[in-house]
Amino acid sequence: MLLAGSALPTPEAMAAFAADPHYAVRRALAANPRTPTEILDRLAGDPRPDVQAATAQNLRTAAAVLTQLAGCADWRIRESVAKNPNAPADTLQRLGNDGDSRVCAALASNNAAPEAVLRGLARHALWGVRAFLAGNSRAPQDILALLAADTSWSVRMGVAANPSAPFALLKKLIHDSDRRVRGAIAENPAMTVDSLKRLLQ
C-alpha cells in the first residue's frame, strides 16, 4: 500500500497527503507507523470509515482520539480501537459490552485488554469470540482452564496453541477427542521436544 511502512517526507507533504482526494492515499497515511500524531488527529475525522479505522489501529494515535473513535457507528472503526494496545483501559472496558461480535473478538485478542474485560468475554455467547480469547497470552490461567473445557473444538484449540497455557492444562488437552486440538499442542511455540515427551508420558 502506498506510504505504508515508508519514511515520510516534510510536514507540508504529509499535510498534502492528508488532504489527497483519493481515499487510498489518506488510508495509507493513517496506517503508516511514522505518521505524526497531529496528522492522525486530522485523519480521525475523515469522511471515509476505512481511513478512520486505519487511524484507530495506528499505535501513535492519541488516547483521546481513540476514545472518540470507539463511539463511532461503523463496527470497523470500533474493531480497530479494540485491537489497539494503546487504547485507554476505560475505553476497552466500554467496548467489552459492544453488540458486534467482531468488535468483541478483536478485544479478546488484545493483550493489553484489562483482566476484567477478558473475564467478561470468557462466557460470550459466540464461540468465535471465546476462541480469540483462548489464544490471548495474557488471559488469566483460570480462564484458560474454563476455555479448555469449552464445547467448541476451536476454543480448545486456541488454548492448546497458547504459549501461556500451563503444562497441567496441556496435559489434559493432549487427550482431547479432536485431533486438531491435539495437533495445536505440537505447534505451540512454548513446547520443546522434552516437554512434548513429558506430555505423552
Protein backbone atom coordinates (compact mmCIF):
# COMPACT_ATOMS: atom_id res chain seq x y z
CA MET A 1 0.00 0.00 0.00
CA LEU A 2 1.29 3.49 -0.84
CA LEU A 3 3.30 5.03 2.01
CA ALA A 4 2.62 2.22 4.45
CA GLY A 5 5.84 1.38 6.29
CA SER A 6 7.81 4.00 4.39
CA ALA A 7 9.67 7.05 5.63
CA LEU A 8 7.59 10.20 5.44
CA PRO A 9 8.64 13.49 3.82
CA THR A 10 8.23 17.03 5.09
CA PRO A 11 5.28 18.15 7.26
CA GLU A 12 3.98 20.09 4.28
CA ALA A 13 3.98 16.97 2.13
CA MET A 14 2.25 14.97 4.86
CA ALA A 15 -0.46 17.62 5.15
CA ALA A 16 -0.92 17.37 1.39
CA PHE A 17 -1.27 13.57 1.62
CA ALA A 18 -3.85 14.00 4.41
CA ALA A 19 -5.91 16.18 2.06
CA ASP A 20 -5.45 13.97 -1.01
CA PRO A 21 -8.73 13.47 -2.89
CA HIS A 22 -8.18 9.70 -3.18
CA TYR A 23 -9.11 7.81 -0.02
CA ALA A 24 -6.41 5.14 -0.56
CA VAL A 25 -3.68 7.74 -0.10
CA ARG A 26 -5.25 9.03 3.11
CA ARG A 27 -5.77 5.48 4.36
CA ALA A 28 -2.13 4.59 3.68
CA LEU A 29 -1.03 7.69 5.58
CA ALA A 30 -3.29 6.74 8.50
CA ALA A 31 -1.75 3.25 8.61
CA ASN A 32 1.85 4.46 8.46
CA PRO A 33 3.53 3.98 11.88
CA ARG A 34 5.62 7.11 11.28
CA THR A 35 2.69 9.46 10.72
CA PRO A 36 2.78 12.24 13.36
CA THR A 37 0.03 12.43 15.95
CA GLU A 38 -1.26 15.77 14.69
CA ILE A 39 -1.85 14.32 11.23
CA LEU A 40 -3.60 11.32 12.75
CA ASP A 41 -5.82 13.72 14.70
CA ARG A 42 -6.90 15.17 11.37
CA LEU A 43 -7.41 11.78 9.72
CA ALA A 44 -9.62 10.64 12.61
CA GLY A 45 -12.26 12.99 11.23
CA ASP A 46 -12.00 11.68 7.66
CA PRO A 47 -15.35 11.04 5.97
CA ARG A 48 -14.24 7.53 4.95
CA PRO A 49 -14.75 4.85 7.66
CA ASP A 50 -11.79 2.81 6.37
CA VAL A 51 -9.49 5.80 6.84
CA GLN A 52 -10.82 6.26 10.35
CA ALA A 53 -10.33 2.53 11.02
CA ALA A 54 -6.70 2.72 9.91
CA THR A 55 -6.22 5.71 12.19
CA ALA A 56 -7.78 3.83 15.10
CA GLN A 57 -5.32 0.97 14.69
CA ASN A 58 -2.23 3.21 14.49
CA LEU A 59 -0.16 2.96 17.69
CA ARG A 60 0.64 6.68 17.51
CA THR A 61 -2.97 7.80 17.63
CA ALA A 62 -3.69 9.80 20.78
CA ALA A 63 -5.68 8.15 23.57
CA ALA A 64 -8.36 10.84 23.47
CA VAL A 65 -8.82 10.28 19.74
CA LEU A 66 -9.13 6.50 20.27
CA THR A 67 -11.83 7.10 22.85
CA GLN A 68 -13.67 9.31 20.38
CA LEU A 69 -13.38 6.74 17.59
CA ALA A 70 -14.66 4.00 19.91
CA GLY A 71 -18.03 5.73 19.81
CA CYS A 72 -18.36 5.58 16.01
CA ALA A 73 -21.32 3.78 14.49
CA ASP A 74 -19.22 1.82 11.99
CA TRP A 75 -18.11 -1.51 13.51
CA ARG A 76 -14.83 -1.47 11.58
CA ILE A 77 -13.69 1.62 13.44
CA ARG A 78 -14.62 0.22 16.84
CA GLU A 79 -12.91 -3.07 15.91
CA SER A 80 -9.68 -1.20 15.16
CA VAL A 81 -9.81 0.59 18.50
CA ALA A 82 -10.41 -2.75 20.22
CA LYS A 83 -7.23 -4.13 18.63
CA ASN A 84 -5.09 -1.16 19.66
CA PRO A 85 -2.98 -1.97 22.75
CA ASN A 86 -2.62 1.75 23.46
CA ALA A 87 -6.35 2.36 23.82
CA PRO A 88 -7.30 3.60 27.31
CA ALA A 89 -8.45 0.89 29.71
CA ASP A 90 -11.84 2.51 30.26
CA THR A 91 -12.39 2.67 26.51
CA LEU A 92 -11.61 -1.03 26.15
CA GLN A 93 -13.90 -1.71 29.11
CA ARG A 94 -16.74 0.01 27.28
CA LEU A 95 -16.07 -1.95 24.10
CA GLY A 96 -16.39 -5.14 26.11
CA ASN A 97 -20.13 -4.56 26.01
CA ASP A 98 -20.23 -3.89 22.27
CA GLY A 99 -23.10 -5.51 20.44
CA ASP A 100 -20.96 -6.54 17.47
CA SER A 101 -19.15 -9.84 17.88
CA ARG A 102 -16.35 -8.72 15.55
CA VAL A 103 -15.50 -5.91 17.95
CA CYS A 104 -15.59 -8.30 20.90
CA ALA A 105 -13.36 -10.79 19.06
CA ALA A 106 -10.78 -8.07 18.38
CA LEU A 107 -10.89 -7.07 22.02
CA ALA A 108 -10.49 -10.68 23.16
CA SER A 109 -7.22 -10.90 21.20
CA ASN A 110 -5.81 -7.65 22.63
CA ASN A 111 -3.02 -8.46 25.09
CA ALA A 112 -3.49 -5.07 26.72
CA ALA A 113 -7.18 -5.53 27.49
CA PRO A 114 -7.98 -5.24 31.21
CA GLU A 115 -8.40 -8.54 33.03
CA ALA A 116 -11.99 -7.69 33.92
CA VAL A 117 -12.79 -7.33 30.21
CA LEU A 118 -11.19 -10.68 29.36
CA ARG A 119 -13.13 -12.36 32.15
CA GLY A 120 -16.37 -10.93 30.83
CA LEU A 121 -15.65 -12.22 27.33
CA ALA A 122 -14.93 -15.75 28.58
CA ARG A 123 -18.65 -16.54 28.61
CA HIS A 124 -19.52 -14.75 25.38
CA ALA A 125 -22.32 -16.50 23.51
CA LEU A 126 -20.32 -16.85 20.28
CA TRP A 127 -17.53 -19.42 20.16
CA GLY A 128 -15.52 -17.21 17.77
CA VAL A 129 -15.04 -14.59 20.48
CA ARG A 130 -14.07 -17.23 23.03
CA ALA A 131 -11.59 -18.71 20.54
CA PHE A 132 -9.77 -15.38 20.20
CA LEU A 133 -9.67 -15.11 23.98
CA ALA A 134 -8.28 -18.64 24.25
CA GLY A 135 -5.30 -17.57 22.16
CA ASN A 136 -4.59 -14.43 24.20
CA SER A 137 -1.28 -14.90 26.01
CA ARG A 138 -2.45 -12.55 28.78
CA ALA A 139 -5.63 -14.46 29.56
CA PRO A 140 -5.77 -15.49 33.24
CA GLN A 141 -4.95 -19.16 33.80
CA ASP A 142 -8.31 -19.90 35.43
CA ILE A 143 -9.99 -18.52 32.30
CA LEU A 144 -7.80 -20.74 30.12
CA ALA A 145 -8.88 -23.69 32.27
CA LEU A 146 -12.52 -22.76 31.69
CA LEU A 147 -11.98 -22.44 27.94
CA ALA A 148 -10.08 -25.74 27.80
CA ALA A 149 -13.38 -27.43 28.66
CA ASP A 150 -15.36 -25.47 26.06
CA THR A 151 -17.79 -27.38 23.84
CA SER A 152 -16.20 -25.83 20.74
CA TRP A 153 -13.05 -27.53 19.46
CA SER A 154 -11.89 -24.17 18.05
CA VAL A 155 -11.85 -22.68 21.54
CA ARG A 156 -9.99 -25.65 22.99
CA MET A 157 -7.54 -25.48 20.09
CA GLY A 158 -6.86 -21.83 20.96
CA VAL A 159 -5.89 -22.85 24.49
CA ALA A 160 -3.74 -25.70 23.17
CA ALA A 161 -1.80 -23.28 20.95
CA ASN A 162 -1.45 -20.60 23.64
CA PRO A 163 2.20 -20.32 24.77
CA SER A 164 0.99 -19.19 28.20
CA ALA A 165 -1.17 -22.25 28.82
CA PRO A 166 0.07 -24.13 31.92
CA PHE A 167 1.60 -27.56 31.42
CA ALA A 168 -1.08 -29.28 33.50
CA LEU A 169 -3.75 -27.91 31.18
CA LEU A 170 -1.92 -29.10 28.09
CA LYS A 171 -1.55 -32.48 29.76
CA LYS A 172 -5.34 -32.75 29.75
CA LEU A 173 -5.76 -31.44 26.21
CA ILE A 174 -3.27 -33.91 24.78
CA HIS A 175 -6.06 -36.48 25.22
CA ASP A 176 -8.72 -34.29 23.56
CA SER A 177 -11.11 -36.13 21.28
CA ASP A 178 -10.41 -33.71 18.41
CA ARG A 179 -7.14 -34.23 16.52
CA ARG A 180 -6.97 -30.51 15.69
CA VAL A 181 -6.73 -29.69 19.38
CA ARG A 182 -4.00 -32.27 19.91
CA GLY A 183 -2.15 -31.01 16.84
CA ALA A 184 -2.21 -27.45 18.15
CA ILE A 185 -0.20 -28.57 21.19
CA ALA A 186 2.54 -29.85 18.91
CA GLU A 187 2.62 -26.44 17.21
CA ASN A 188 2.62 -24.48 20.48
CA PRO A 189 5.73 -22.25 20.38
CA ALA A 190 6.37 -22.88 24.07
CA MET A 191 6.69 -26.62 23.50
CA THR A 192 10.12 -28.24 23.39
CA VAL A 193 10.91 -31.81 22.42
CA ASP A 194 11.37 -32.67 26.09
CA SER A 195 8.09 -31.09 27.16
CA LEU A 196 6.21 -32.91 24.38
CA LYS A 197 7.72 -36.20 25.59
CA ARG A 198 6.57 -35.41 29.13
CA LEU A 199 3.06 -34.69 27.88
CA LEU A 200 2.88 -38.07 26.20
CA GLN A 201 4.10 -40.00 29.23
